[in-house]
Amino acid sequence: MLLDRATMAQVHGDFLGDATVTDVITFPYGEILICPAVAWETAAVNGLSMPEELLLYLLHGVLHLTGYEDKTPAGAQDMAAAQEKLLRKVLTA
């Protein structure tokens, strides 16, 4: 589901205790929330197009659903490597 900045910040605050805007939120029952405004702001920084950045967020959410976590530096590194690998596979398919 795509959310605007204000709604994403509200959901982030309500469910995760941090009322700042974020790029993607994944709930354990399978819902993935994405903020396109954040994607728009960060796509160029990441060297990606807007669709690629949105895909990256979706892959990030799917990885959370498969058990990846990014709360520790090691977990974040593993997750970043996995999402980069998936992103490259999808973009070259």
N, C-alpha and C. Protein backbone atom coordinates (compact mmCIF):
# COMPACT_ATOMS: atom_id res chain seq x y z
N MET A 1 0.84 -1.17 0.00
CA MET A 1 0.00 0.00 0.00
C MET A 1 0.89 1.24 0.00
N LEU A 2 0.53 2.21 -0.81
CA LEU A 2 1.28 3.45 -0.89
C LEU A 2 0.65 4.50 0.03
N LEU A 3 1.47 5.14 0.83
CA LEU A 3 0.99 6.15 1.78
C LEU A 3 1.73 7.47 1.59
N ASP A 4 1.03 8.57 1.87
CA ASP A 4 1.68 9.88 1.83
C ASP A 4 2.54 10.04 3.09
N ARG A 5 3.36 11.08 3.10
CA ARG A 5 4.32 11.30 4.19
C ARG A 5 3.64 11.37 5.56
N ALA A 6 2.56 12.14 5.66
CA ALA A 6 1.90 12.33 6.95
C ALA A 6 1.31 11.02 7.48
N THR A 7 0.68 10.27 6.60
CA THR A 7 0.07 9.00 7.02
C THR A 7 1.15 8.00 7.40
N MET A 8 2.24 7.96 6.64
CA MET A 8 3.33 7.03 6.96
C MET A 8 3.92 7.37 8.33
N ALA A 9 4.12 8.66 8.61
CA ALA A 9 4.64 9.07 9.91
C ALA A 9 3.68 8.69 11.03
N GLN A 10 2.39 8.84 10.78
CA GLN A 10 1.40 8.49 11.80
C GLN A 10 1.42 6.98 12.08
N VAL A 11 1.44 6.18 11.03
CA VAL A 11 1.48 4.72 11.20
C VAL A 11 2.78 4.32 11.91
N HIS A 12 3.88 4.92 11.50
CA HIS A 12 5.17 4.64 12.12
C HIS A 12 5.11 4.94 13.61
N GLY A 13 4.49 6.06 13.98
CA GLY A 13 4.35 6.42 15.39
C GLY A 13 3.40 5.50 16.12
N ASP A 14 2.24 5.24 15.52
CA ASP A 14 1.22 4.42 16.18
C ASP A 14 1.69 2.99 16.43
N PHE A 15 2.39 2.41 15.50
CA PHE A 15 2.74 1.00 15.60
C PHE A 15 4.18 0.72 16.02
N LEU A 16 5.08 1.67 15.77
CA LEU A 16 6.49 1.43 16.07
C LEU A 16 7.09 2.47 17.02
N GLY A 17 6.25 3.39 17.51
CA GLY A 17 6.71 4.34 18.51
C GLY A 17 7.66 5.41 18.01
N ASP A 18 7.70 5.63 16.70
CA ASP A 18 8.59 6.64 16.12
C ASP A 18 7.78 7.42 15.08
N ALA A 19 7.34 8.60 15.42
CA ALA A 19 6.42 9.36 14.56
C ALA A 19 7.12 10.12 13.44
N THR A 20 8.25 9.62 12.98
CA THR A 20 8.91 10.23 11.82
C THR A 20 8.53 9.45 10.57
N VAL A 21 8.65 10.11 9.43
CA VAL A 21 8.34 9.44 8.17
C VAL A 21 9.45 8.42 7.89
N THR A 22 9.07 7.32 7.27
CA THR A 22 10.03 6.28 6.90
C THR A 22 9.69 5.77 5.51
N ASP A 23 10.57 5.00 4.93
CA ASP A 23 10.37 4.54 3.56
C ASP A 23 9.42 3.37 3.44
N VAL A 24 9.56 2.38 4.31
CA VAL A 24 8.74 1.16 4.22
C VAL A 24 8.49 0.60 5.62
N ILE A 25 7.28 0.12 5.83
CA ILE A 25 6.91 -0.57 7.06
C ILE A 25 6.29 -1.90 6.66
N THR A 26 6.73 -2.95 7.32
CA THR A 26 6.19 -4.28 7.04
C THR A 26 5.54 -4.82 8.30
N PHE A 27 4.33 -5.32 8.16
CA PHE A 27 3.64 -5.95 9.27
C PHE A 27 3.73 -7.46 9.12
N PRO A 28 3.81 -8.18 10.23
CA PRO A 28 4.02 -9.63 10.17
C PRO A 28 2.94 -10.40 9.41
N TYR A 29 1.76 -9.84 9.30
CA TYR A 29 0.68 -10.56 8.61
C TYR A 29 0.69 -10.31 7.10
N GLY A 30 1.72 -9.62 6.60
CA GLY A 30 1.92 -9.52 5.17
C GLY A 30 1.70 -8.18 4.52
N GLU A 31 1.28 -7.18 5.27
CA GLU A 31 1.07 -5.87 4.67
C GLU A 31 2.38 -5.10 4.60
N ILE A 32 2.65 -4.54 3.43
CA ILE A 32 3.85 -3.72 3.23
C ILE A 32 3.38 -2.31 2.85
N LEU A 33 3.78 -1.33 3.65
CA LEU A 33 3.43 0.07 3.41
C LEU A 33 4.66 0.78 2.87
N ILE A 34 4.48 1.54 1.81
CA ILE A 34 5.58 2.24 1.16
C ILE A 34 5.21 3.71 1.01
N CYS A 35 6.19 4.59 1.23
CA CYS A 35 5.99 6.03 1.07
C CYS A 35 6.70 6.50 -0.20
N PRO A 36 5.95 6.72 -1.29
CA PRO A 36 6.57 7.17 -2.54
C PRO A 36 7.31 8.50 -2.42
N ALA A 37 6.86 9.38 -1.53
CA ALA A 37 7.55 10.66 -1.36
C ALA A 37 8.98 10.46 -0.89
N VAL A 38 9.20 9.50 -0.01
CA VAL A 38 10.55 9.19 0.44
C VAL A 38 11.35 8.59 -0.71
N ALA A 39 10.71 7.71 -1.48
CA ALA A 39 11.39 7.11 -2.63
C ALA A 39 11.82 8.19 -3.61
N TRP A 40 10.96 9.14 -3.84
CA TRP A 40 11.26 10.23 -4.78
C TRP A 40 12.49 11.01 -4.30
N GLU A 41 12.58 11.23 -2.99
CA GLU A 41 13.68 12.00 -2.42
C GLU A 41 15.00 11.23 -2.41
N THR A 42 14.94 9.92 -2.31
CA THR A 42 16.17 9.14 -2.13
C THR A 42 16.62 8.36 -3.36
N ALA A 43 15.78 8.26 -4.38
CA ALA A 43 16.14 7.48 -5.57
C ALA A 43 17.45 7.95 -6.18
N ALA A 44 17.58 9.23 -6.41
CA ALA A 44 18.79 9.76 -7.05
C ALA A 44 20.02 9.55 -6.16
N VAL A 45 19.84 9.69 -4.86
CA VAL A 45 20.94 9.48 -3.92
C VAL A 45 21.45 8.04 -4.02
N ASN A 46 20.52 7.10 -4.22
CA ASN A 46 20.88 5.68 -4.34
C ASN A 46 21.26 5.29 -5.76
N GLY A 47 21.19 6.23 -6.69
CA GLY A 47 21.53 5.95 -8.08
C GLY A 47 20.49 5.10 -8.79
N LEU A 48 19.25 5.22 -8.34
CA LEU A 48 18.16 4.43 -8.90
C LEU A 48 17.10 5.33 -9.50
N SER A 49 16.31 4.78 -10.41
CA SER A 49 15.13 5.48 -10.90
C SER A 49 14.04 5.35 -9.83
N MET A 50 12.99 6.14 -9.98
CA MET A 50 11.88 6.06 -9.04
C MET A 50 11.27 4.64 -9.01
N PRO A 51 10.99 4.01 -10.14
CA PRO A 51 10.45 2.64 -10.08
C PRO A 51 11.42 1.65 -9.42
N GLU A 52 12.71 1.83 -9.66
CA GLU A 52 13.69 0.94 -9.03
C GLU A 52 13.72 1.14 -7.52
N GLU A 53 13.62 2.38 -7.07
CA GLU A 53 13.61 2.67 -5.63
C GLU A 53 12.38 2.06 -4.98
N LEU A 54 11.23 2.20 -5.64
CA LEU A 54 10.01 1.59 -5.10
C LEU A 54 10.14 0.07 -5.04
N LEU A 55 10.74 -0.52 -6.06
CA LEU A 55 10.97 -1.96 -6.07
C LEU A 55 11.89 -2.36 -4.93
N LEU A 56 12.91 -1.56 -4.68
CA LEU A 56 13.82 -1.82 -3.56
C LEU A 56 13.05 -1.87 -2.25
N TYR A 57 12.13 -0.93 -2.05
CA TYR A 57 11.33 -0.90 -0.82
C TYR A 57 10.45 -2.14 -0.72
N LEU A 58 9.86 -2.53 -1.83
CA LEU A 58 9.02 -3.72 -1.84
C LEU A 58 9.85 -4.96 -1.49
N LEU A 59 11.02 -5.08 -2.08
CA LEU A 59 11.89 -6.21 -1.78
C LEU A 59 12.31 -6.20 -0.31
N HIS A 60 12.59 -5.03 0.21
CA HIS A 60 12.93 -4.89 1.63
C HIS A 60 11.80 -5.44 2.51
N GLY A 61 10.58 -5.06 2.17
CA GLY A 61 9.43 -5.55 2.93
C GLY A 61 9.27 -7.06 2.82
N VAL A 62 9.44 -7.60 1.63
CA VAL A 62 9.33 -9.05 1.42
C VAL A 62 10.41 -9.77 2.23
N LEU A 63 11.61 -9.22 2.25
CA LEU A 63 12.66 -9.86 3.04
C LEU A 63 12.31 -9.88 4.52
N HIS A 64 11.69 -8.81 5.02
CA HIS A 64 11.23 -8.83 6.42
C HIS A 64 10.24 -9.97 6.62
N LEU A 65 9.35 -10.16 5.66
CA LEU A 65 8.35 -11.22 5.79
C LEU A 65 8.97 -12.62 5.76
N THR A 66 10.15 -12.73 5.17
CA THR A 66 10.82 -14.04 5.12
C THR A 66 11.81 -14.24 6.26
N GLY A 67 11.85 -13.28 7.21
CA GLY A 67 12.65 -13.47 8.40
C GLY A 67 13.87 -12.59 8.54
N TYR A 68 14.20 -11.81 7.54
CA TYR A 68 15.34 -10.90 7.66
C TYR A 68 14.99 -9.77 8.63
N GLU A 69 15.98 -9.36 9.39
CA GLU A 69 15.82 -8.22 10.29
C GLU A 69 17.00 -7.27 10.10
N ASP A 70 16.75 -6.00 10.33
CA ASP A 70 17.81 -5.00 10.15
C ASP A 70 18.01 -4.14 11.38
N LYS A 71 17.71 -4.70 12.54
CA LYS A 71 17.84 -3.93 13.79
C LYS A 71 19.26 -3.91 14.33
N THR A 72 20.09 -4.84 13.88
CA THR A 72 21.49 -4.86 14.29
C THR A 72 22.36 -4.55 13.06
N PRO A 73 23.58 -4.10 13.28
CA PRO A 73 24.45 -3.85 12.13
C PRO A 73 24.65 -5.10 11.26
N ALA A 74 24.84 -6.25 11.87
CA ALA A 74 25.03 -7.49 11.09
C ALA A 74 23.77 -7.85 10.31
N GLY A 75 22.61 -7.71 10.96
CA GLY A 75 21.35 -8.00 10.29
C GLY A 75 21.10 -7.03 9.15
N ALA A 76 21.40 -5.76 9.37
CA ALA A 76 21.22 -4.75 8.32
C ALA A 76 22.13 -5.03 7.14
N GLN A 77 23.36 -5.47 7.42
CA GLN A 77 24.30 -5.78 6.34
C GLN A 77 23.82 -6.99 5.54
N ASP A 78 23.35 -8.02 6.22
CA ASP A 78 22.82 -9.21 5.53
C ASP A 78 21.61 -8.86 4.69
N MET A 79 20.74 -8.03 5.25
CA MET A 79 19.53 -7.65 4.54
C MET A 79 19.86 -6.79 3.32
N ALA A 80 20.76 -5.86 3.48
CA ALA A 80 21.15 -5.00 2.35
C ALA A 80 21.75 -5.83 1.22
N ALA A 81 22.56 -6.81 1.56
CA ALA A 81 23.15 -7.67 0.53
C ALA A 81 22.08 -8.48 -0.18
N ALA A 82 21.14 -9.02 0.59
CA ALA A 82 20.07 -9.82 -0.01
C ALA A 82 19.17 -8.97 -0.90
N GLN A 83 18.82 -7.77 -0.46
CA GLN A 83 17.93 -6.95 -1.28
C GLN A 83 18.64 -6.45 -2.53
N GLU A 84 19.92 -6.17 -2.43
CA GLU A 84 20.69 -5.75 -3.61
C GLU A 84 20.76 -6.88 -4.63
N LYS A 85 21.00 -8.09 -4.15
CA LYS A 85 21.05 -9.26 -5.03
C LYS A 85 19.70 -9.46 -5.73
N LEU A 86 18.62 -9.39 -4.96
CA LEU A 86 17.28 -9.54 -5.56
C LEU A 86 16.97 -8.43 -6.54
N LEU A 87 17.32 -7.20 -6.19
CA LEU A 87 17.06 -6.07 -7.07
C LEU A 87 17.78 -6.26 -8.41
N ARG A 88 19.02 -6.64 -8.38
CA ARG A 88 19.78 -6.85 -9.62
C ARG A 88 19.19 -7.99 -10.44
N LYS A 89 18.74 -9.07 -9.76
CA LYS A 89 18.11 -10.19 -10.48
C LYS A 89 16.84 -9.73 -11.20
N VAL A 90 16.01 -8.98 -10.51
CA VAL A 90 14.75 -8.52 -11.10
C VAL A 90 15.02 -7.56 -12.25
N LEU A 91 15.97 -6.65 -12.07
CA LEU A 91 16.24 -5.64 -13.10
C LEU A 91 16.92 -6.21 -14.33
N THR A 92 17.58 -7.34 -14.20
CA THR A 92 18.24 -7.94 -15.36
C THR A 92 17.43 -9.09 -15.96
N ALA A 93 16.29 -9.40 -15.38
CA ALA A 93 15.46 -10.51 -15.88
C ALA A 93 14.70 -10.09 -17.14
